Amino acid sequence: MPRPASEQLLVRVSVCAVCRTDLHIVDGELPNPKLSLIPGHQIVGRIEEMDAEVKHFSVGDRVGIPWLGGTDGECRYCRSNRENICDRALFTGYNIDGGYAEFVVADARFCFRLPDQYSDVDAAPLLCAGMLGYRSYRKTGDARRLGIYGFGSAARLITQVACFEGREVFAFTRPGDEAGQESARKLGAVWAGGSDEMPPKRLDAAIIFAPVGALVPAALRALAKGGVVVCGGIHMSDIPSFPYADLWGERVICSVANLTRRDGEEFLEIAPRVPVKTKTETFPFEEANAALQKFRAGGLNGTAVLLVANTGHPERGEGPHTRSLERTN
């Protein structure tokens, strides 16, 4: 059993959503994870115990635990409101243990209260797909025509926010994915097509959620002058070369790294006003490997959410927390 240290909460995990970053970590595509490691960073649970220094939560409160798990608070990035790129940042499910477990400890300063209208299952995707997607979205500034490449969980959530704010969304899916394109149109996209197509109008900005480097030059070619391509993932395959003419005209490429607590607070404030609706597919906790494999194969029909509560007793060494995730390399 973990125990809360200074400023920490001990949280009994109810659910933990599965993220593409979990796949990148398990498959060895992100360097230097903590080993041994419990993955998972879209955690919803209730406070079981807490350090006496914590004043803004109470035992029994429901909390959400996101990817950003801690910062040093004193580097030049933290002091300039850029804690997401802190040199000594800690990340849940990467270099501190995460939510594929019945209990987790977390820094109370980096946990969130969740809107009451969301169930535990529905709230879980808000903690990464929602928050990191929201940071990517805010990087597009006041763009009116917004392209979104890769129509997974983050894209579905952010499309709802963008339409609520009066943007025109152009959705790009895998070529031939008619079901995905129809889903995007139902969420409010004014156009949906394959990632190998050009939109009917030039875009003011594009967000790439799919970890496919070849989409960067494709998105650049779809941009109007002065537009921005935002790469919203933590990992992406290599970007192929492209002619300078595709970048010229003050077009910009930028990446998004992690999130700040302000991003999370802003997203959790706007989500219930839209209201943002999540689409999930639940799995028993002992089927974590199956959920990851289904994600890897592109077979999910929504965000995978592990149902963790009431699955064993860590004090007696029981339950799925004793199982190992399969690593492919």
Protein backbone atom coordinates (compact mmCIF):
# COMPACT_ATOMS: atom_id res chain seq x y z
CA MET A 1 0.00 0.00 0.00
CA PRO A 2 1.37 3.44 -0.90
CA ARG A 3 1.25 6.08 1.83
CA PRO A 4 0.78 9.84 1.34
CA ALA A 5 3.87 11.95 1.98
CA SER A 6 4.02 15.74 2.27
CA GLU A 7 1.19 17.46 0.34
CA GLN A 8 -0.03 14.12 -1.00
CA LEU A 9 -3.36 12.31 -1.20
CA LEU A 10 -3.95 8.58 -1.04
CA VAL A 11 -6.71 7.91 -3.58
CA ARG A 12 -8.77 4.76 -3.97
CA VAL A 13 -9.04 4.45 -7.75
CA SER A 14 -12.50 4.07 -9.22
CA VAL A 15 -11.61 4.16 -12.93
CA CYS A 16 -8.61 4.94 -15.09
CA ALA A 17 -8.90 5.77 -18.78
CA VAL A 18 -6.39 4.37 -21.28
CA CYS A 19 -4.37 6.86 -23.33
CA ARG A 20 -2.19 6.56 -26.41
CA THR A 21 0.68 7.74 -24.22
CA ASP A 22 0.25 4.55 -22.16
CA LEU A 23 0.89 2.63 -25.39
CA HIS A 24 3.97 4.72 -26.20
CA ILE A 25 5.35 3.96 -22.72
CA VAL A 26 4.50 0.24 -22.70
CA ASP A 27 5.90 -0.17 -26.24
CA GLY A 28 9.17 1.53 -25.29
CA GLU A 29 8.70 4.58 -27.53
CA LEU A 30 9.20 7.07 -24.69
CA PRO A 31 12.60 7.02 -22.98
CA ASN A 32 13.51 6.38 -19.36
CA PRO A 33 10.23 5.53 -17.63
CA LYS A 34 10.38 4.70 -13.95
CA LEU A 35 10.84 0.95 -13.56
CA SER A 36 9.02 -0.83 -12.21
CA LEU A 37 6.07 1.30 -13.27
CA ILE A 38 2.30 1.42 -12.83
CA PRO A 39 0.91 3.26 -15.91
CA GLY A 40 -2.23 5.35 -16.18
CA HIS A 41 -2.84 9.08 -15.90
CA GLN A 42 -6.58 9.68 -16.40
CA ILE A 43 -7.55 8.69 -12.88
CA VAL A 44 -10.82 9.23 -11.04
CA GLY A 45 -11.10 8.19 -7.44
CA ARG A 46 -11.87 9.21 -3.89
CA ILE A 47 -9.55 10.39 -1.18
CA GLU A 48 -8.86 7.64 1.35
CA GLU A 49 -6.23 9.46 3.40
CA MET A 50 -4.21 12.65 3.10
CA ASP A 51 -1.28 14.51 4.53
CA ALA A 52 -2.14 17.01 7.27
CA GLU A 53 -0.69 19.85 5.17
CA VAL A 54 -3.46 19.48 2.56
CA LYS A 55 -6.19 22.03 3.28
CA HIS A 56 -8.32 22.28 0.12
CA PHE A 57 -9.57 18.66 0.01
CA SER A 58 -11.27 16.36 2.51
CA VAL A 59 -11.29 12.60 2.95
CA GLY A 60 -14.03 11.17 0.72
CA ASP A 61 -13.80 13.89 -1.94
CA ARG A 62 -13.79 12.78 -5.57
CA VAL A 63 -10.68 13.91 -7.45
CA GLY A 64 -9.16 13.65 -10.90
CA ILE A 65 -5.45 12.94 -11.33
CA PRO A 66 -3.91 14.02 -14.67
CA TRP A 67 -0.64 13.52 -16.58
CA LEU A 68 1.21 16.43 -14.92
CA GLY A 69 2.04 15.12 -11.46
CA GLY A 70 4.47 17.70 -10.10
CA THR A 71 6.97 20.46 -10.86
CA ASP A 72 9.84 22.10 -9.01
CA GLY A 73 7.99 25.46 -8.89
CA GLU A 74 11.21 27.45 -9.09
CA CYS A 75 12.80 27.02 -12.54
CA ARG A 76 12.50 29.76 -15.18
CA TYR A 77 9.65 27.90 -16.85
CA CYS A 78 7.59 27.58 -13.69
CA ARG A 79 8.26 31.21 -12.81
CA SER A 80 6.98 32.32 -16.24
CA ASN A 81 3.69 30.36 -16.12
CA ARG A 82 5.11 27.53 -18.25
CA GLU A 83 5.11 24.74 -15.69
CA ASN A 84 4.24 22.26 -18.46
CA ILE A 85 7.86 22.40 -19.67
CA CYS A 86 9.50 22.42 -16.24
CA ASP A 87 12.90 20.72 -16.45
CA ARG A 88 12.13 18.62 -13.37
CA ALA A 89 8.46 17.92 -13.98
CA LEU A 90 7.02 14.56 -12.89
CA PHE A 91 4.36 12.75 -14.87
CA THR A 92 1.71 10.34 -13.65
CA GLY A 93 2.12 6.85 -15.02
CA TYR A 94 5.58 7.64 -16.43
CA ASN A 95 8.03 8.61 -13.71
CA ILE A 96 5.60 8.31 -10.81
CA ASP A 97 3.17 5.43 -10.41
CA GLY A 98 -0.24 5.86 -11.99
CA GLY A 99 -3.78 4.57 -11.96
CA TYR A 100 -3.65 0.99 -13.21
CA ALA A 101 -3.92 0.09 -9.53
CA GLU A 102 -6.45 0.09 -6.73
CA PHE A 103 -4.65 2.88 -4.85
CA VAL A 104 -2.42 5.74 -5.94
CA VAL A 105 -0.71 8.64 -4.20
CA ALA A 106 -0.71 12.04 -5.86
CA ASP A 107 0.38 15.59 -5.10
CA ALA A 108 -2.80 17.37 -3.98
CA ARG A 109 -1.65 20.58 -5.69
CA PHE A 110 -1.94 18.87 -9.09
CA CYS A 111 -5.31 17.16 -8.58
CA PHE A 112 -8.66 18.49 -9.75
CA ARG A 113 -12.21 18.60 -8.50
CA LEU A 114 -14.48 17.19 -11.20
CA PRO A 115 -17.83 18.59 -12.37
CA ASP A 116 -20.66 16.82 -10.56
CA GLN A 117 -22.65 16.09 -13.72
CA TYR A 118 -20.01 13.64 -14.99
CA SER A 119 -19.94 10.04 -13.78
CA ASP A 120 -16.55 8.56 -12.94
CA VAL A 121 -16.37 6.78 -16.31
CA ASP A 122 -17.41 9.86 -18.28
CA ALA A 123 -15.03 12.14 -16.36
CA ALA A 124 -11.90 10.04 -16.93
CA PRO A 125 -11.25 11.07 -20.59
CA LEU A 126 -11.49 14.74 -19.61
CA LEU A 127 -8.22 14.40 -17.68
CA CYS A 128 -5.95 13.94 -20.70
CA ALA A 129 -7.80 13.80 -24.02
CA GLY A 130 -9.77 16.79 -22.80
CA MET A 131 -7.10 18.82 -21.02
CA LEU A 132 -4.24 18.26 -23.46
CA GLY A 133 -6.65 18.61 -26.35
CA TYR A 134 -7.77 21.91 -24.87
CA ARG A 135 -4.18 23.17 -24.65
CA SER A 136 -3.69 22.23 -28.31
CA TYR A 137 -6.91 24.04 -29.18
CA ARG A 138 -5.88 27.20 -27.36
CA LYS A 139 -2.60 27.20 -29.34
CA THR A 140 -4.71 27.89 -32.45
CA GLY A 141 -5.61 31.36 -31.15
CA ASP A 142 -8.70 32.88 -32.76
CA ALA A 143 -8.67 30.63 -35.86
CA ARG A 144 -12.15 30.45 -37.37
CA ARG A 145 -11.53 27.53 -39.74
CA LEU A 146 -9.98 24.71 -37.74
CA GLY A 147 -8.74 21.43 -39.17
CA ILE A 148 -8.42 18.40 -36.88
CA TYR A 149 -6.34 15.43 -38.06
CA GLY A 150 -6.88 12.11 -36.32
CA PHE A 151 -10.42 11.81 -35.02
CA GLY A 152 -10.00 9.99 -31.73
CA SER A 153 -10.98 10.90 -28.18
CA ALA A 154 -9.25 14.30 -28.01
CA ALA A 155 -10.66 15.34 -31.39
CA ARG A 156 -14.21 14.40 -30.39
CA LEU A 157 -14.01 16.44 -27.19
CA ILE A 158 -12.37 19.49 -28.73
CA THR A 159 -14.71 19.54 -31.74
CA GLN A 160 -17.55 20.07 -29.29
CA VAL A 161 -15.76 22.99 -27.63
CA ALA A 162 -14.80 24.55 -30.98
CA CYS A 163 -18.37 24.35 -32.32
CA PHE A 164 -19.69 25.77 -29.05
CA GLU A 165 -17.37 28.75 -29.56
CA GLY A 166 -18.51 29.26 -33.14
CA ARG A 167 -15.52 27.81 -35.02
CA GLU A 168 -15.84 25.88 -38.29
CA VAL A 169 -14.33 22.41 -37.84
CA PHE A 170 -12.89 20.40 -40.74
CA ALA A 171 -12.29 16.79 -39.68
CA PHE A 172 -9.65 14.54 -41.23
CA THR A 173 -9.78 10.79 -40.61
CA ARG A 174 -8.01 7.76 -42.01
CA PRO A 175 -8.80 7.58 -45.75
CA GLY A 176 -12.00 5.62 -46.24
CA ASP A 177 -13.16 5.89 -42.61
CA GLU A 178 -16.72 6.85 -43.45
CA ALA A 179 -18.00 5.98 -39.97
CA GLY A 180 -15.45 8.32 -38.38
CA GLN A 181 -16.32 11.09 -40.82
CA GLU A 182 -20.03 10.71 -40.13
CA SER A 183 -19.31 10.83 -36.38
CA ALA A 184 -17.43 14.11 -36.89
CA ARG A 185 -20.31 15.62 -38.84
CA LYS A 186 -22.76 14.62 -36.10
CA LEU A 187 -20.59 16.49 -33.59
CA GLY A 188 -20.82 19.64 -35.72
CA ALA A 189 -17.96 19.47 -38.24
CA VAL A 190 -18.84 21.42 -41.39
CA TRP A 191 -16.75 19.02 -43.50
CA ALA A 192 -15.17 15.61 -42.98
CA GLY A 193 -12.86 13.65 -45.27
CA GLY A 194 -9.72 11.59 -45.46
CA SER A 195 -6.33 12.88 -44.35
CA ASP A 196 -5.20 12.55 -47.99
CA GLU A 197 -7.79 15.14 -49.11
CA MET A 198 -7.71 18.93 -49.26
CA PRO A 199 -10.50 20.77 -47.43
CA PRO A 200 -12.90 22.90 -49.49
CA LYS A 201 -11.54 26.06 -47.82
CA ARG A 202 -8.09 27.03 -46.59
CA LEU A 203 -7.65 26.50 -42.85
CA ASP A 204 -6.64 29.15 -40.33
CA ALA A 205 -5.17 26.43 -38.08
CA ALA A 206 -4.87 22.68 -37.82
CA ILE A 207 -4.38 20.34 -34.87
CA ILE A 208 -2.75 16.96 -35.44
CA PHE A 209 -3.74 14.42 -32.80
CA ALA A 210 -2.66 11.33 -34.76
CA PRO A 211 1.02 10.41 -34.09
CA VAL A 212 1.81 10.44 -37.82
CA GLY A 213 4.58 12.76 -38.95
CA ALA A 214 3.46 12.67 -42.60
CA LEU A 215 0.37 14.64 -41.59
CA VAL A 216 2.48 17.74 -40.84
CA PRO A 217 3.26 18.64 -44.47
CA ALA A 218 -0.29 17.61 -45.44
CA ALA A 219 -1.72 20.05 -42.90
CA LEU A 220 0.69 22.79 -43.99
CA ARG A 221 -0.58 22.50 -47.56
CA ALA A 222 -4.14 23.00 -46.29
CA LEU A 223 -3.30 26.19 -44.35
CA ALA A 224 -3.98 29.76 -45.33
CA LYS A 225 -1.09 32.20 -44.96
CA GLY A 226 -0.30 32.97 -41.35
CA GLY A 227 -1.85 29.70 -40.18
CA VAL A 228 -0.49 27.34 -37.55
CA VAL A 229 -0.13 23.56 -37.37
CA VAL A 230 -0.28 22.33 -33.77
CA CYS A 231 1.16 18.88 -33.07
CA GLY A 232 -0.84 17.69 -30.09
CA GLY A 233 0.88 14.41 -29.19
CA ILE A 234 3.78 13.51 -26.93
CA HIS A 235 5.24 11.20 -29.59
CA MET A 236 5.11 11.29 -33.39
CA SER A 237 6.76 9.39 -36.22
CA ASP A 238 9.39 11.29 -38.21
CA ILE A 239 8.20 14.24 -40.25
CA PRO A 240 9.17 13.82 -43.92
CA SER A 241 10.85 16.63 -45.82
CA PHE A 242 8.70 19.16 -47.62
CA PRO A 243 9.35 22.21 -49.81
CA TYR A 244 9.90 25.53 -48.12
CA ALA A 245 7.06 26.95 -50.20
CA ASP A 246 4.61 24.96 -48.04
CA LEU A 247 5.87 26.78 -44.93
CA TRP A 248 6.39 30.20 -46.49
CA GLY A 249 3.76 32.86 -45.91
CA GLU A 250 4.42 32.99 -42.16
CA ARG A 251 2.92 29.59 -41.52
CA VAL A 252 3.98 28.06 -38.20
CA ILE A 253 4.51 24.56 -36.80
CA CYS A 254 4.42 24.13 -33.02
CA SER A 255 4.26 21.26 -30.56
CA VAL A 256 2.26 20.94 -27.37
CA ALA A 257 4.01 19.63 -24.29
CA ASN A 258 1.95 18.36 -21.37
CA LEU A 259 -0.48 20.76 -19.67
CA THR A 260 -0.59 23.40 -16.99
CA ARG A 261 -2.99 23.40 -14.08
CA ARG A 262 -4.61 26.46 -15.61
CA ASP A 263 -5.38 24.48 -18.78
CA GLY A 264 -7.10 21.85 -16.67
CA GLU A 265 -9.10 24.37 -14.66
CA GLU A 266 -10.26 26.22 -17.78
CA PHE A 267 -11.29 23.04 -19.55
CA LEU A 268 -13.21 21.69 -16.55
CA GLU A 269 -15.02 25.03 -16.36
CA ILE A 270 -16.12 25.07 -20.00
CA ALA A 271 -16.81 21.33 -20.43
CA PRO A 272 -20.11 21.24 -18.50
CA ARG A 273 -21.30 24.45 -20.18
CA VAL A 274 -20.99 23.00 -23.71
CA PRO A 275 -21.76 20.33 -22.44
CA VAL A 276 -18.89 18.14 -23.64
CA LYS A 277 -19.97 14.51 -23.95
CA THR A 278 -17.48 11.67 -23.76
CA LYS A 279 -17.67 8.35 -25.60
CA THR A 280 -16.24 5.41 -23.70
CA GLU A 281 -15.75 1.66 -23.84
CA THR A 282 -15.29 0.02 -20.44
CA PHE A 283 -13.08 -2.93 -19.52
CA PRO A 284 -12.71 -4.90 -16.28
CA PHE A 285 -9.42 -4.03 -14.59
CA GLU A 286 -7.98 -7.50 -15.24
CA GLU A 287 -8.37 -6.86 -19.00
CA ALA A 288 -5.91 -3.94 -19.10
CA ASN A 289 -3.70 -5.78 -21.60
CA ALA A 290 -6.71 -6.47 -23.82
CA ALA A 291 -7.69 -2.79 -23.73
CA LEU A 292 -4.17 -1.75 -24.75
CA GLN A 293 -4.09 -4.30 -27.55
CA LYS A 294 -7.48 -3.20 -28.86
CA PHE A 295 -6.25 0.41 -28.78
CA ARG A 296 -3.08 -0.58 -30.65
CA ALA A 297 -5.15 -2.34 -33.32
CA GLY A 298 -7.49 0.62 -33.78
CA GLY A 299 -10.49 -1.36 -32.62
CA LEU A 300 -11.87 0.86 -29.87
CA ASN A 301 -15.30 2.44 -30.11
CA GLY A 302 -14.53 5.29 -27.73
CA THR A 303 -12.01 5.91 -24.95
CA ALA A 304 -11.09 2.71 -23.11
CA VAL A 305 -11.79 3.02 -19.38
CA LEU A 306 -10.62 0.44 -16.85
CA LEU A 307 -13.11 -0.27 -14.06
CA VAL A 308 -10.77 -0.56 -11.10
CA ALA A 309 -12.90 -0.30 -7.95
CA ASN A 310 -13.64 -3.42 -5.88
CA THR A 311 -11.16 -5.61 -7.73
CA GLY A 312 -9.02 -6.91 -4.88
CA HIS A 313 -7.32 -6.18 -1.59
CA PRO A 314 -3.74 -4.89 -1.89
CA GLU A 315 -3.16 -5.51 1.81
CA ARG A 316 -3.48 -9.25 1.11
CA GLY A 317 -1.68 -9.26 -2.23
CA GLU A 318 -4.87 -9.96 -4.16
CA GLY A 319 -6.34 -8.51 -7.31
CA PRO A 320 -5.15 -7.46 -10.76
CA HIS A 321 -2.53 -5.08 -9.34
CA THR A 322 -0.28 -8.16 -9.16
CA ARG A 323 -0.51 -8.72 -12.93
CA SER A 324 2.04 -7.41 -15.43
CA LEU A 325 1.38 -5.39 -18.55
CA GLU A 326 2.83 -6.85 -21.70
CA ARG A 327 5.67 -4.90 -23.23
CA THR A 328 6.31 -5.51 -26.91
CA ASN A 329 10.03 -4.77 -27.02
